[in-house]
Amino acid sequence: FSDRTYTLPTTGEYTLLLEGRIYSGLASDDFSFVLNRPADPTPVNLVFGTTYTGTQAAAGDVQRYRFTLAAPKMVAFDSLANTAGISWTLNGPGDAVTRSFTNSDSFEAGAFPPVLLDAGEYELVVGGGFTSGAYGFRMLDLAASAQPLAGDGTLVQGTPTIANGTQAFAFTATAG
């Protein structure tokens, strides 16, 4: 069962029982398991536009990032890692959002497009799943990070500041 997480109700000594299947009398059935006490270090205060990187050393490990919005803000999650199995969850006012790092902001999913977050306290939790590996991301404040475009037909060229990062551009348009 690689998909089980248990929170123990009390401190003390526990016994783990492993029993074979009643219908299988083979003494040679294999088993393996890992007992892990996940790491959950002190939360980090998230600063918009800052690149955060880390490593989930073992399954179940988490790193928490917290931020508070005094007013609604348009944001985008910019995944900088292609680590299968590591996910992130954004908790705060409204519904929680959970996505994988491999398709958070790429063409495969469109899973977390720019979103208007309400004022309030938020926590972004990285990891907590059943895999380990490296991760990297930025949370972008689109009003602060978007480069203005004239929208007059001028060719826009450049080199991304981060190789697999998101570039944000802003322009004014008339409806219709």
C-alpha atoms as a PDB file:
ATOM      1  CA  PHE A   1       0.000   0.000   0.000  1.00  0.00           C
ATOM      2  CA  SER A   2       2.050   2.933  -1.212  1.00  0.00           C
ATOM      3  CA  ASP A   3      -0.895   5.250  -0.820  1.00  0.00           C
ATOM      4  CA  ARG A   4      -1.448   5.214   2.927  1.00  0.00           C
ATOM      5  CA  THR A   5      -0.818   8.022   5.369  1.00  0.00           C
ATOM      6  CA  TYR A   6      -1.780   7.635   8.989  1.00  0.00           C
ATOM      7  CA  THR A   7      -1.885  10.215  11.753  1.00  0.00           C
ATOM      8  CA  LEU A   8      -1.304   8.562  15.096  1.00  0.00           C
ATOM      9  CA  PRO A   9      -3.733   9.543  17.851  1.00  0.00           C
ATOM     10  CA  THR A  10      -1.324   9.338  20.788  1.00  0.00           C
ATOM     11  CA  THR A  11       2.382   9.293  21.542  1.00  0.00           C
ATOM     12  CA  GLY A  12       3.819   5.921  22.479  1.00  0.00           C
ATOM     13  CA  GLU A  13       4.920   2.565  21.146  1.00  0.00           C
ATOM     14  CA  TYR A  14       3.003   0.984  18.283  1.00  0.00           C
ATOM     15  CA  THR A  15       2.972  -2.449  16.689  1.00  0.00           C
ATOM     16  CA  LEU A  16       2.662  -2.933  12.944  1.00  0.00           C
ATOM     17  CA  LEU A  17       1.042  -6.195  11.861  1.00  0.00           C
ATOM     18  CA  LEU A  18       1.692  -7.650   8.426  1.00  0.00           C
ATOM     19  CA  GLU A  19      -0.504 -10.551   7.422  1.00  0.00           C
ATOM     20  CA  GLY A  20      -0.475 -12.637   4.288  1.00  0.00           C
ATOM     21  CA  ARG A  21      -3.545 -13.281   2.186  1.00  0.00           C
ATOM     22  CA  ILE A  22      -5.764 -16.046   3.546  1.00  0.00           C
ATOM     23  CA  TYR A  23      -6.026 -17.658   0.121  1.00  0.00           C
ATOM     24  CA  SER A  24      -2.242 -17.676  -0.468  1.00  0.00           C
ATOM     25  CA  GLY A  25      -0.370 -20.306   1.490  1.00  0.00           C
ATOM     26  CA  LEU A  26       2.987 -19.451  -0.066  1.00  0.00           C
ATOM     27  CA  ALA A  27       5.704 -18.657   2.414  1.00  0.00           C
ATOM     28  CA  SER A  28       7.687 -17.020  -0.369  1.00  0.00           C
ATOM     29  CA  ASP A  29       5.350 -14.061  -0.997  1.00  0.00           C
ATOM     30  CA  ASP A  30       7.480 -10.911  -0.971  1.00  0.00           C
ATOM     31  CA  PHE A  31       6.737  -7.712   0.890  1.00  0.00           C
ATOM     32  CA  SER A  32       8.400  -4.376   1.415  1.00  0.00           C
ATOM     33  CA  PHE A  33       7.500  -1.127   3.134  1.00  0.00           C
ATOM     34  CA  VAL A  34       8.953   2.138   4.370  1.00  0.00           C
ATOM     35  CA  LEU A  35       8.019   3.755   7.643  1.00  0.00           C
ATOM     36  CA  ASN A  36       8.623   7.453   7.226  1.00  0.00           C
ATOM     37  CA  ARG A  37       8.255  10.418   9.537  1.00  0.00           C
ATOM     38  CA  PRO A  38       7.715  13.190   6.998  1.00  0.00           C
ATOM     39  CA  ALA A  39       9.682  16.416   7.300  1.00  0.00           C
ATOM     40  CA  ASP A  40       7.530  19.525   7.827  1.00  0.00           C
ATOM     41  CA  PRO A  41       9.905  22.424   8.538  1.00  0.00           C
ATOM     42  CA  THR A  42       8.879  25.922   9.557  1.00  0.00           C
ATOM     43  CA  PRO A  43       6.798  27.686   6.867  1.00  0.00           C
ATOM     44  CA  VAL A  44       8.547  30.181   4.584  1.00  0.00           C
ATOM     45  CA  ASN A  45       7.087  33.636   3.921  1.00  0.00           C
ATOM     46  CA  LEU A  46       6.431  33.687   0.172  1.00  0.00           C
ATOM     47  CA  VAL A  47       7.508  36.763  -1.804  1.00  0.00           C
ATOM     48  CA  PHE A  48       5.862  37.119  -5.228  1.00  0.00           C
ATOM     49  CA  GLY A  49       8.288  36.752  -8.143  1.00  0.00           C
ATOM     50  CA  THR A  50      10.961  35.006  -6.059  1.00  0.00           C
ATOM     51  CA  THR A  51      12.237  31.635  -7.305  1.00  0.00           C
ATOM     52  CA  TYR A  52      11.928  28.878  -4.715  1.00  0.00           C
ATOM     53  CA  THR A  53      13.710  25.539  -5.094  1.00  0.00           C
ATOM     54  CA  GLY A  54      14.035  22.554  -2.854  1.00  0.00           C
ATOM     55  CA  THR A  55      14.108  18.796  -2.602  1.00  0.00           C
ATOM     56  CA  GLN A  56      11.556  16.476  -1.109  1.00  0.00           C
ATOM     57  CA  ALA A  57      14.001  13.978   0.416  1.00  0.00           C
ATOM     58  CA  ALA A  58      11.387  11.339   1.202  1.00  0.00           C
ATOM     59  CA  ALA A  59       7.775  10.539   0.462  1.00  0.00           C
ATOM     60  CA  GLY A  60       5.429  12.594   2.615  1.00  0.00           C
ATOM     61  CA  ASP A  61       7.844  15.493   3.145  1.00  0.00           C
ATOM     62  CA  VAL A  62       6.326  18.958   2.760  1.00  0.00           C
ATOM     63  CA  GLN A  63       7.434  22.567   2.617  1.00  0.00           C
ATOM     64  CA  ARG A  64       4.899  25.289   3.371  1.00  0.00           C
ATOM     65  CA  TYR A  65       4.934  28.808   1.938  1.00  0.00           C
ATOM     66  CA  ARG A  66       2.621  31.466   3.361  1.00  0.00           C
ATOM     67  CA  PHE A  67       1.432  34.841   2.161  1.00  0.00           C
ATOM     68  CA  THR A  68      -1.312  37.326   2.974  1.00  0.00           C
ATOM     69  CA  LEU A  69      -3.199  39.480   0.490  1.00  0.00           C
ATOM     70  CA  ALA A  70      -4.628  42.778   1.736  1.00  0.00           C
ATOM     71  CA  ALA A  71      -6.666  43.105  -1.472  1.00  0.00           C
ATOM     72  CA  PRO A  72      -7.606  40.789  -4.354  1.00  0.00           C
ATOM     73  CA  LYS A  73      -4.667  39.970  -6.637  1.00  0.00           C
ATOM     74  CA  MET A  74      -4.295  38.317 -10.062  1.00  0.00           C
ATOM     75  CA  VAL A  75      -1.603  35.638  -9.739  1.00  0.00           C
ATOM     76  CA  ALA A  76      -0.106  32.741 -11.691  1.00  0.00           C
ATOM     77  CA  PHE A  77       1.821  29.709 -10.460  1.00  0.00           C
ATOM     78  CA  ASP A  78       5.004  29.247 -12.530  1.00  0.00           C
ATOM     79  CA  SER A  79       6.320  25.680 -12.264  1.00  0.00           C
ATOM     80  CA  LEU A  80      10.056  25.438 -12.894  1.00  0.00           C
ATOM     81  CA  ALA A  81      10.340  21.670 -12.381  1.00  0.00           C
ATOM     82  CA  ASN A  82       9.348  18.600 -14.319  1.00  0.00           C
ATOM     83  CA  THR A  83       9.336  16.194 -11.399  1.00  0.00           C
ATOM     84  CA  ALA A  84       6.602  13.606 -11.812  1.00  0.00           C
ATOM     85  CA  GLY A  85       4.689  12.871  -8.640  1.00  0.00           C
ATOM     86  CA  ILE A  86       5.437  16.035  -6.682  1.00  0.00           C
ATOM     87  CA  SER A  87       2.441  18.301  -6.324  1.00  0.00           C
ATOM     88  CA  TRP A  88       1.461  21.568  -4.722  1.00  0.00           C
ATOM     89  CA  THR A  89      -1.738  22.681  -3.002  1.00  0.00           C
ATOM     90  CA  LEU A  90      -2.897  26.267  -2.507  1.00  0.00           C
ATOM     91  CA  ASN A  91      -5.147  26.695   0.545  1.00  0.00           C
ATOM     92  CA  GLY A  92      -6.901  29.911   1.458  1.00  0.00           C
ATOM     93  CA  PRO A  93     -10.232  31.656   1.041  1.00  0.00           C
ATOM     94  CA  GLY A  94     -12.328  29.615  -1.378  1.00  0.00           C
ATOM     95  CA  ASP A  95     -11.584  26.137  -2.692  1.00  0.00           C
ATOM     96  CA  ALA A  96      -8.172  24.477  -2.362  1.00  0.00           C
ATOM     97  CA  VAL A  97      -6.304  23.892  -5.639  1.00  0.00           C
ATOM     98  CA  THR A  98      -3.932  20.927  -6.104  1.00  0.00           C
ATOM     99  CA  ARG A  99      -1.752  20.395  -9.176  1.00  0.00           C
ATOM    100  CA  SER A 100       1.323  18.443 -10.232  1.00  0.00           C
ATOM    101  CA  PHE A 101       4.562  20.289 -10.991  1.00  0.00           C
ATOM    102  CA  THR A 102       4.779  18.576 -14.397  1.00  0.00           C
ATOM    103  CA  ASN A 103       1.683  20.258 -15.804  1.00  0.00           C
ATOM    104  CA  SER A 104       0.831  23.210 -13.582  1.00  0.00           C
ATOM    105  CA  ASP A 105       1.285  25.886 -16.197  1.00  0.00           C
ATOM    106  CA  SER A 106       2.143  24.123 -19.437  1.00  0.00           C
ATOM    107  CA  PHE A 107       0.129  23.481 -22.560  1.00  0.00           C
ATOM    108  CA  GLU A 108      -0.699  19.953 -21.377  1.00  0.00           C
ATOM    109  CA  ALA A 109      -3.131  21.069 -18.718  1.00  0.00           C
ATOM    110  CA  GLY A 110      -4.015  24.705 -18.542  1.00  0.00           C
ATOM    111  CA  ALA A 111      -4.795  23.580 -15.007  1.00  0.00           C
ATOM    112  CA  PHE A 112      -3.937  26.727 -13.116  1.00  0.00           C
ATOM    113  CA  PRO A 113      -4.333  29.680 -15.407  1.00  0.00           C
ATOM    114  CA  PRO A 114      -4.009  33.145 -13.940  1.00  0.00           C
ATOM    115  CA  VAL A 115      -6.515  33.436 -11.139  1.00  0.00           C
ATOM    116  CA  LEU A 116      -7.881  36.307  -9.091  1.00  0.00           C
ATOM    117  CA  LEU A 117      -7.287  35.476  -5.417  1.00  0.00           C
ATOM    118  CA  ASP A 118      -9.434  37.125  -2.773  1.00  0.00           C
ATOM    119  CA  ALA A 119      -7.904  39.050   0.111  1.00  0.00           C
ATOM    120  CA  GLY A 120      -6.886  36.762   2.958  1.00  0.00           C
ATOM    121  CA  GLU A 121      -4.265  34.356   4.261  1.00  0.00           C
ATOM    122  CA  TYR A 122      -2.891  31.638   1.971  1.00  0.00           C
ATOM    123  CA  GLU A 123      -0.646  28.623   2.339  1.00  0.00           C
ATOM    124  CA  LEU A 124       1.055  26.905  -0.578  1.00  0.00           C
ATOM    125  CA  VAL A 125       2.053  23.339   0.400  1.00  0.00           C
ATOM    126  CA  VAL A 126       4.666  21.577  -1.747  1.00  0.00           C
ATOM    127  CA  GLY A 127       4.888  17.785  -1.495  1.00  0.00           C
ATOM    128  CA  GLY A 128       3.135  15.533   0.953  1.00  0.00           C
ATOM    129  CA  GLY A 129       2.664  12.814  -1.648  1.00  0.00           C
ATOM    130  CA  PHE A 130       4.258   9.460  -2.197  1.00  0.00           C
ATOM    131  CA  THR A 131       7.359  10.463  -4.118  1.00  0.00           C
ATOM    132  CA  SER A 132      10.512  12.524  -3.659  1.00  0.00           C
ATOM    133  CA  GLY A 133      12.655  14.770  -5.828  1.00  0.00           C
ATOM    134  CA  ALA A 134      13.527  18.351  -6.691  1.00  0.00           C
ATOM    135  CA  TYR A 135      11.032  21.151  -7.238  1.00  0.00           C
ATOM    136  CA  GLY A 136      11.122  24.795  -8.270  1.00  0.00           C
ATOM    137  CA  PHE A 137       8.482  27.498  -8.731  1.00  0.00           C
ATOM    138  CA  ARG A 138       7.555  31.159  -8.638  1.00  0.00           C
ATOM    139  CA  MET A 139       4.216  32.704  -7.697  1.00  0.00           C
ATOM    140  CA  LEU A 140       3.743  35.687  -9.976  1.00  0.00           C
ATOM    141  CA  ASP A 141       1.846  38.871  -9.156  1.00  0.00           C
ATOM    142  CA  LEU A 142       0.705  39.621 -12.701  1.00  0.00           C
ATOM    143  CA  ALA A 143       0.104  43.336 -12.132  1.00  0.00           C
ATOM    144  CA  ALA A 144       3.677  43.740 -10.894  1.00  0.00           C
ATOM    145  CA  SER A 145       5.496  41.354 -13.250  1.00  0.00           C
ATOM    146  CA  ALA A 146       3.755  41.809 -16.620  1.00  0.00           C
ATOM    147  CA  GLN A 147       5.705  43.725 -19.271  1.00  0.00           C
ATOM    148  CA  PRO A 148       3.484  46.288 -21.019  1.00  0.00           C
ATOM    149  CA  LEU A 149       2.867  45.917 -24.751  1.00  0.00           C
ATOM    150  CA  ALA A 150       1.901  48.819 -27.000  1.00  0.00           C
ATOM    151  CA  GLY A 151      -0.373  46.645 -29.131  1.00  0.00           C
ATOM    152  CA  ASP A 152       0.515  48.663 -32.228  1.00  0.00           C
ATOM    153  CA  GLY A 153       1.966  45.838 -34.318  1.00  0.00           C
ATOM    154  CA  THR A 154       5.512  46.209 -33.001  1.00  0.00           C
ATOM    155  CA  LEU A 155       7.479  42.941 -33.008  1.00  0.00           C
ATOM    156  CA  VAL A 156       8.311  41.781 -29.487  1.00  0.00           C
ATOM    157  CA  GLN A 157      11.523  39.775 -29.113  1.00  0.00           C
ATOM    158  CA  GLY A 158      13.623  38.631 -26.212  1.00  0.00           C
ATOM    159  CA  THR A 159      15.166  35.810 -24.282  1.00  0.00           C
ATOM    160  CA  PRO A 160      13.359  34.316 -21.312  1.00  0.00           C
ATOM    161  CA  THR A 161      14.847  35.383 -17.994  1.00  0.00           C
ATOM    162  CA  ILE A 162      14.318  31.813 -16.747  1.00  0.00           C
ATOM    163  CA  ALA A 163      14.657  29.049 -19.352  1.00  0.00           C
ATOM    164  CA  ASN A 164      11.397  27.246 -18.581  1.00  0.00           C
ATOM    165  CA  GLY A 165       9.734  30.108 -16.748  1.00  0.00           C
ATOM    166  CA  THR A 166       6.591  32.050 -17.590  1.00  0.00           C
ATOM    167  CA  GLN A 167       6.883  35.448 -19.244  1.00  0.00           C
ATOM    168  CA  ALA A 168       3.953  37.791 -18.550  1.00  0.00           C
ATOM    169  CA  PHE A 169       2.853  40.563 -20.898  1.00  0.00           C
ATOM    170  CA  ALA A 170       0.024  43.074 -20.488  1.00  0.00           C
ATOM    171  CA  PHE A 171      -1.905  45.136 -23.016  1.00  0.00           C
ATOM    172  CA  THR A 172      -5.053  47.221 -23.176  1.00  0.00           C
ATOM    173  CA  ALA A 173      -7.824  46.254 -25.582  1.00  0.00           C
ATOM    174  CA  THR A 174     -11.353  47.266 -26.428  1.00  0.00           C
ATOM    175  CA  ALA A 175     -14.149  44.691 -26.159  1.00  0.00           C
ATOM    176  CA  GLY A 176     -15.776  43.457 -29.346  1.00  0.00           C
END
